[in-house]
N, C-alpha and C. Protein backbone atom coordinates (compact mmCIF):
# COMPACT_ATOMS: atom_id res chain seq x y z
N MET A 1 16.74 36.20 -25.17
CA MET A 1 15.51 35.41 -25.32
C MET A 1 15.51 33.90 -24.48
N SER A 2 14.91 33.58 -23.36
CA SER A 2 14.95 32.34 -23.03
C SER A 2 14.03 31.65 -23.83
N GLU A 3 14.06 30.21 -24.50
CA GLU A 3 13.49 29.25 -25.04
C GLU A 3 12.99 27.72 -24.34
N ASN A 4 11.83 27.57 -23.68
CA ASN A 4 11.54 26.92 -22.96
C ASN A 4 11.43 25.38 -23.04
N LYS A 5 12.05 24.73 -23.33
CA LYS A 5 12.29 23.43 -24.06
C LYS A 5 11.56 22.38 -22.68
N SER A 6 11.47 21.24 -23.32
CA SER A 6 10.91 20.07 -22.34
C SER A 6 11.42 18.59 -23.07
N PHE A 7 12.23 18.10 -22.05
CA PHE A 7 12.82 17.02 -22.18
C PHE A 7 11.75 15.86 -22.48
N GLU A 8 11.83 14.49 -23.53
CA GLU A 8 11.20 13.71 -23.23
C GLU A 8 12.14 12.59 -24.22
N GLY A 9 12.42 11.37 -23.53
CA GLY A 9 13.19 10.19 -24.06
C GLY A 9 13.44 9.55 -22.78
N HIS A 10 13.78 8.38 -23.29
CA HIS A 10 15.26 7.38 -22.07
C HIS A 10 16.06 8.17 -21.88
N ALA A 11 16.23 7.89 -20.53
CA ALA A 11 17.22 8.17 -19.44
C ALA A 11 17.33 7.51 -18.48
N ILE A 12 18.63 7.84 -17.93
CA ILE A 12 18.77 6.95 -16.44
C ILE A 12 18.83 8.38 -15.17
N LEU A 13 17.80 8.31 -14.55
CA LEU A 13 17.95 9.40 -13.67
C LEU A 13 18.52 8.65 -11.92
N GLU A 14 19.26 9.68 -11.34
CA GLU A 14 19.76 9.81 -10.36
C GLU A 14 19.47 10.85 -9.29
N LEU A 15 18.50 9.89 -8.23
CA LEU A 15 17.84 10.35 -7.45
C LEU A 15 18.72 10.60 -6.23
N PHE A 16 18.04 11.74 -5.22
CA PHE A 16 18.58 12.24 -3.71
C PHE A 16 18.44 10.77 -2.88
N GLY A 17 19.28 10.25 -2.07
CA GLY A 17 19.00 8.98 -1.29
C GLY A 17 20.09 7.84 -1.95
N HIS A 18 20.40 8.35 -2.56
CA HIS A 18 21.28 7.12 -3.70
C HIS A 18 20.87 6.05 -4.54
N ASN A 19 19.51 6.62 -5.45
CA ASN A 19 18.60 5.54 -5.68
C ASN A 19 18.94 5.92 -7.00
N VAL A 20 18.54 4.83 -8.18
CA VAL A 20 18.52 5.35 -9.70
C VAL A 20 17.07 4.70 -10.19
N ILE A 21 16.95 5.11 -10.96
CA ILE A 21 15.98 4.40 -12.18
C ILE A 21 15.95 4.89 -13.59
N ALA A 22 15.89 3.90 -14.43
CA ALA A 22 15.90 4.26 -15.52
C ALA A 22 14.58 4.03 -16.28
N GLY A 23 14.28 4.86 -17.53
CA GLY A 23 12.94 4.68 -18.27
C GLY A 23 13.01 5.38 -19.20
N TYR A 24 11.45 5.52 -19.42
CA TYR A 24 10.82 6.20 -20.84
C TYR A 24 10.66 7.67 -19.59
N VAL A 25 11.23 8.78 -19.98
CA VAL A 25 11.00 10.09 -19.18
C VAL A 25 10.26 11.04 -19.86
N SER A 26 9.35 11.65 -19.52
CA SER A 26 8.41 12.87 -19.48
C SER A 26 8.16 13.89 -18.75
N GLU A 27 7.32 14.87 -18.95
CA GLU A 27 7.46 15.85 -17.84
C GLU A 27 5.12 15.46 -17.62
N GLU A 28 5.20 16.15 -16.71
CA GLU A 28 3.11 15.80 -16.19
C GLU A 28 3.14 16.60 -15.14
N SER A 29 1.95 17.70 -15.33
CA SER A 29 1.41 18.45 -14.39
C SER A 29 0.37 17.67 -13.36
N ILE A 30 0.49 17.30 -12.57
CA ILE A 30 -0.52 16.93 -11.40
C ILE A 30 -1.04 17.96 -10.30
N GLY A 31 -2.31 18.07 -10.31
CA GLY A 31 -2.52 18.82 -9.70
C GLY A 31 -1.81 20.42 -9.07
N GLY A 32 -1.47 20.99 -10.57
CA GLY A 32 -0.73 22.47 -10.59
C GLY A 32 0.76 22.02 -10.42
N ALA A 33 1.26 21.07 -10.20
CA ALA A 33 2.40 20.94 -9.75
C ALA A 33 3.22 19.92 -10.97
N SER A 34 4.30 19.95 -11.52
CA SER A 34 5.08 19.61 -12.28
C SER A 34 6.05 18.73 -11.78
N PHE A 35 5.80 17.46 -12.28
CA PHE A 35 6.46 16.16 -12.06
C PHE A 35 7.22 15.67 -13.55
N VAL A 36 7.92 15.11 -13.07
CA VAL A 36 9.26 14.00 -13.92
C VAL A 36 8.74 12.95 -14.03
N ARG A 37 7.88 12.22 -15.10
CA ARG A 37 7.28 11.05 -15.08
C ARG A 37 8.06 9.98 -15.90
N VAL A 38 8.31 8.77 -14.71
CA VAL A 38 9.19 7.90 -15.59
C VAL A 38 8.57 6.53 -15.67
N ASP A 39 8.33 5.89 -17.37
CA ASP A 39 7.65 4.73 -17.83
C ASP A 39 8.77 3.61 -17.70
N VAL A 40 8.84 2.96 -16.32
CA VAL A 40 9.69 1.57 -16.43
C VAL A 40 9.24 0.29 -17.21
N PRO A 41 10.31 -0.04 -18.33
CA PRO A 41 9.59 -1.33 -18.55
C PRO A 41 9.49 -2.19 -17.90
N PRO A 42 8.75 -3.24 -18.60
CA PRO A 42 8.64 -4.68 -18.07
C PRO A 42 9.83 -5.10 -18.04
N VAL A 43 10.82 -5.99 -17.06
CA VAL A 43 11.62 -6.93 -17.05
C VAL A 43 11.79 -8.23 -15.98
N ASP A 44 11.95 -9.60 -16.76
CA ASP A 44 12.42 -10.40 -16.20
C ASP A 44 10.75 -11.29 -15.54
N GLY A 45 9.88 -10.50 -15.75
CA GLY A 45 8.48 -11.22 -15.24
C GLY A 45 7.77 -10.06 -14.33
N CYS A 46 8.70 -9.16 -13.85
CA CYS A 46 7.81 -8.13 -13.38
C CYS A 46 7.35 -7.04 -14.12
N PRO A 47 6.42 -6.80 -13.99
CA PRO A 47 5.88 -5.96 -14.98
C PRO A 47 6.12 -4.45 -14.80
N GLY A 48 6.07 -4.04 -16.17
CA GLY A 48 6.37 -2.08 -16.25
C GLY A 48 5.46 -1.30 -15.35
N TYR A 49 6.08 -0.27 -14.74
CA TYR A 49 5.25 0.98 -14.13
C TYR A 49 5.30 1.84 -14.13
N THR A 50 4.64 3.17 -13.80
CA THR A 50 5.36 3.95 -13.59
C THR A 50 5.75 5.11 -12.47
N LYS A 51 6.43 5.94 -12.41
CA LYS A 51 6.58 6.56 -11.02
C LYS A 51 6.66 8.00 -11.65
N PHE A 52 6.15 8.76 -10.43
CA PHE A 52 6.60 10.60 -10.86
C PHE A 52 7.40 11.04 -9.73
N PHE A 53 7.98 11.58 -9.95
CA PHE A 53 9.19 12.65 -8.97
C PHE A 53 9.01 14.06 -9.09
N GLY A 54 9.16 14.74 -7.97
CA GLY A 54 9.32 16.18 -7.89
C GLY A 54 10.74 16.54 -8.62
N GLY A 55 11.15 17.62 -8.83
CA GLY A 55 12.09 17.90 -9.48
C GLY A 55 13.20 17.92 -8.06
N ALA A 56 12.99 18.22 -6.91
CA ALA A 56 13.65 18.74 -6.10
C ALA A 56 14.66 17.04 -6.29
N ALA A 57 14.28 16.12 -5.91
CA ALA A 57 14.18 14.70 -5.83
C ALA A 57 15.58 13.94 -6.68
N ILE A 58 15.71 15.11 -7.75
CA ILE A 58 16.13 14.14 -8.78
C ILE A 58 17.84 15.34 -9.00
N TYR A 59 18.42 14.29 -9.17
CA TYR A 59 20.49 14.94 -8.71
C TYR A 59 21.01 15.02 -10.51
N ALA A 60 20.66 14.44 -11.23
CA ALA A 60 21.11 14.37 -12.36
C ALA A 60 20.46 13.73 -13.64
N ILE A 61 19.52 13.85 -14.37
CA ILE A 61 19.40 12.76 -15.89
C ILE A 61 20.42 12.45 -16.72
N THR A 62 20.52 11.68 -17.42
CA THR A 62 21.79 11.16 -18.44
C THR A 62 20.75 10.51 -19.14
N PRO A 63 20.54 11.35 -20.66
CA PRO A 63 19.82 11.05 -21.88
C PRO A 63 20.29 9.52 -22.51
N THR A 64 19.60 8.90 -22.76
CA THR A 64 20.65 7.50 -23.61
C THR A 64 19.38 6.82 -24.66
N ASP A 65 19.85 6.27 -25.34
CA ASP A 65 18.90 5.38 -26.21
C ASP A 65 17.90 4.33 -24.98
N GLU A 66 17.06 3.95 -25.64
CA GLU A 66 16.11 2.89 -25.23
C GLU A 66 16.51 1.28 -25.08
N GLU A 67 17.57 1.09 -26.01
CA GLU A 67 18.32 -0.13 -25.25
C GLU A 67 19.27 -0.06 -24.13
N THR A 68 19.67 1.08 -23.77
CA THR A 68 20.67 1.32 -22.76
C THR A 68 20.07 1.54 -21.69
N ALA A 69 18.75 2.47 -21.74
CA ALA A 69 17.91 2.26 -20.79
C ALA A 69 17.10 1.49 -20.26
N ARG A 70 16.79 -0.13 -21.09
CA ARG A 70 16.53 -1.48 -20.31
C ARG A 70 17.71 -2.05 -19.93
N ILE A 71 18.56 -2.07 -20.61
CA ILE A 71 19.80 -2.80 -19.46
C ILE A 71 19.96 -2.13 -18.29
N ALA A 72 20.07 -0.77 -18.42
CA ALA A 72 20.01 -0.37 -17.07
C ALA A 72 18.99 -1.27 -16.04
N THR A 73 17.41 -0.61 -16.54
CA THR A 73 16.66 -1.01 -15.60
C THR A 73 16.55 -2.50 -15.23
N GLU A 74 17.29 -3.49 -16.21
CA GLU A 74 17.20 -5.18 -15.88
C GLU A 74 18.59 -4.83 -14.87
N ARG A 75 19.65 -4.41 -14.71
CA ARG A 75 20.77 -4.33 -13.96
C ARG A 75 20.27 -3.65 -12.41
N LEU A 76 19.43 -2.81 -12.72
CA LEU A 76 18.97 -2.06 -10.98
C LEU A 76 17.94 -2.75 -10.31
N ARG A 77 17.39 -3.99 -11.53
CA ARG A 77 15.99 -4.67 -10.65
C ARG A 77 15.27 -3.29 -9.52
N ILE A 78 15.13 -2.31 -10.10
CA ILE A 78 14.25 -1.32 -9.09
C ILE A 78 12.87 -2.22 -9.03
N ARG A 79 12.22 -2.39 -8.05
CA ARG A 79 10.38 -2.73 -8.53
C ARG A 79 9.52 -1.95 -7.70
N PRO A 80 8.63 -1.86 -8.60
CA PRO A 80 7.36 -0.89 -7.71
C PRO A 80 7.02 -0.99 -6.55
N VAL A 81 6.34 -0.01 -6.35
CA VAL A 81 5.80 -0.03 -4.67
C VAL A 81 4.62 -1.26 -4.61
N GLU A 82 5.14 -2.02 -4.03
CA GLU A 82 3.88 -3.39 -3.94
C GLU A 82 2.68 -2.99 -2.61
N THR A 83 1.63 -3.48 -2.90
CA THR A 83 0.57 -2.94 -1.84
C THR A 83 0.73 -3.92 -0.51
N TRP A 84 0.73 -3.28 -0.04
CA TRP A 84 0.17 -3.32 1.65
C TRP A 84 -1.09 -4.09 1.91
N VAL A 85 -1.19 -5.54 2.44
CA VAL A 85 -2.19 -5.89 2.43
C VAL A 85 -2.33 -6.16 3.96
N VAL A 86 -3.02 -5.86 4.68
CA VAL A 86 -2.95 -6.34 6.01
C VAL A 86 -4.14 -7.50 6.37
N PRO A 87 -3.42 -8.56 6.66
CA PRO A 87 -4.14 -9.53 7.39
C PRO A 87 -4.96 -9.81 7.46
N SER A 88 -5.94 -10.19 7.30
CA SER A 88 -7.65 -10.23 8.20
C SER A 88 -7.29 -11.55 9.45
N PRO A 89 -7.79 -10.45 10.55
CA PRO A 89 -7.76 -10.72 12.31
C PRO A 89 -8.54 -11.85 12.31
N LYS A 90 -7.90 -12.62 12.90
CA LYS A 90 -8.75 -13.88 13.09
C LYS A 90 -9.50 -13.48 14.30
N ASN A 91 -10.55 -13.94 15.01
CA ASN A 91 -11.25 -13.37 16.19
C ASN A 91 -11.21 -12.14 16.89
N LEU A 92 -11.29 -10.98 15.92
CA LEU A 92 -10.57 -9.92 16.43
C LEU A 92 -12.29 -9.27 17.32
N LYS A 93 -11.99 -8.68 18.03
CA LYS A 93 -13.48 -8.28 19.09
C LYS A 93 -12.99 -7.28 19.47
N LEU A 94 -14.07 -6.19 18.80
CA LEU A 94 -13.37 -4.60 19.77
C LEU A 94 -14.30 -4.13 20.55
N ILE A 95 -14.66 -4.92 21.42
CA ILE A 95 -15.26 -4.75 22.97
C ILE A 95 -14.25 -4.50 23.53
N PRO A 96 -14.48 -3.58 24.61
CA PRO A 96 -12.85 -3.23 25.34
C PRO A 96 -13.46 -4.60 26.73
N GLY A 97 -12.52 -4.93 27.25
CA GLY A 97 -12.29 -6.04 28.24
C GLY A 97 -11.73 -7.27 27.06
N ASP A 98 -12.45 -7.62 25.91
CA ASP A 98 -12.18 -8.38 25.04
C ASP A 98 -10.79 -8.83 24.46
N GLU A 99 -10.35 -9.97 25.11
CA GLU A 99 -9.12 -10.33 24.30
C GLU A 99 -8.80 -9.83 22.77
N ILE A 100 -7.52 -9.93 22.12
CA ILE A 100 -7.52 -10.38 20.96
C ILE A 100 -6.82 -11.32 20.78
N GLU A 101 -6.41 -12.10 19.67
CA GLU A 101 -5.66 -13.36 19.54
C GLU A 101 -4.38 -12.51 18.87
N GLU A 102 -3.42 -13.25 19.33
CA GLU A 102 -1.69 -12.57 18.77
C GLU A 102 -2.06 -13.38 17.22
N TRP A 103 -1.44 -12.24 16.62
CA TRP A 103 -1.12 -12.64 14.77
C TRP A 103 0.10 -12.96 14.50
N ASP A 104 0.20 -14.42 14.32
CA ASP A 104 1.77 -15.01 13.91
C ASP A 104 2.42 -14.29 13.17
N GLU A 105 1.46 -13.82 12.35
CA GLU A 105 2.38 -12.80 10.61
C GLU A 105 2.96 -11.60 11.53
N PHE A 106 2.62 -11.04 12.39
CA PHE A 106 3.43 -9.79 13.12
C PHE A 106 3.99 -10.19 14.23
N ASP A 107 4.49 -11.64 14.52
CA ASP A 107 5.59 -11.69 15.27
C ASP A 107 6.91 -11.28 15.30
N ASP A 108 7.87 -10.24 15.01
CA ASP A 108 9.09 -10.22 15.08
C ASP A 108 9.97 -10.61 15.60
N GLY A 109 9.22 -10.69 16.72
CA GLY A 109 9.91 -11.83 18.70
C GLY A 109 11.03 -10.79 19.64
N PHE A 110 10.64 -9.96 19.35
CA PHE A 110 11.07 -9.24 19.89
C PHE A 110 9.79 -8.39 21.24
N ASP A 111 10.25 -8.26 22.20
CA ASP A 111 8.97 -8.21 23.24
C ASP A 111 9.14 -6.60 24.04
N TYR A 112 7.95 -6.39 23.26
CA TYR A 112 7.49 -4.56 23.52
C TYR A 112 7.16 -4.31 25.24
N GLY A 113 7.21 -5.31 26.21
CA GLY A 113 6.58 -5.04 27.70
C GLY A 113 4.61 -5.06 27.41
N ASN A 114 3.92 -5.52 26.48
CA ASN A 114 2.85 -5.02 26.69
C ASN A 114 2.28 -6.07 27.10
N ASP A 115 2.95 -7.22 27.83
CA ASP A 115 1.86 -8.49 28.32
C ASP A 115 1.45 -8.26 30.04
């Protein structure tokens, strides 16, 4: 007889793509799909955050105590996804034939041949 157990506790997760994350791990269902939830504690002024992973993204889970998970979080320094903010365009005109001022924020120095 198979017993269906679920894990909940502190752990270090190794993910495909050579990523590692540590925190409090639990399971959560979103839209009918099962995800592993990792609540990463705040570290050195960086606020705590939550990330969800599908089971196929996880290579290994190492259960540990809270102190070890915190130390791993401090050493890994994984940051949450930062919000991408599009700078407000200056003098943007959407009428065909009007010129658009170039934005210094996006000048990477590469000539794309659009002149």
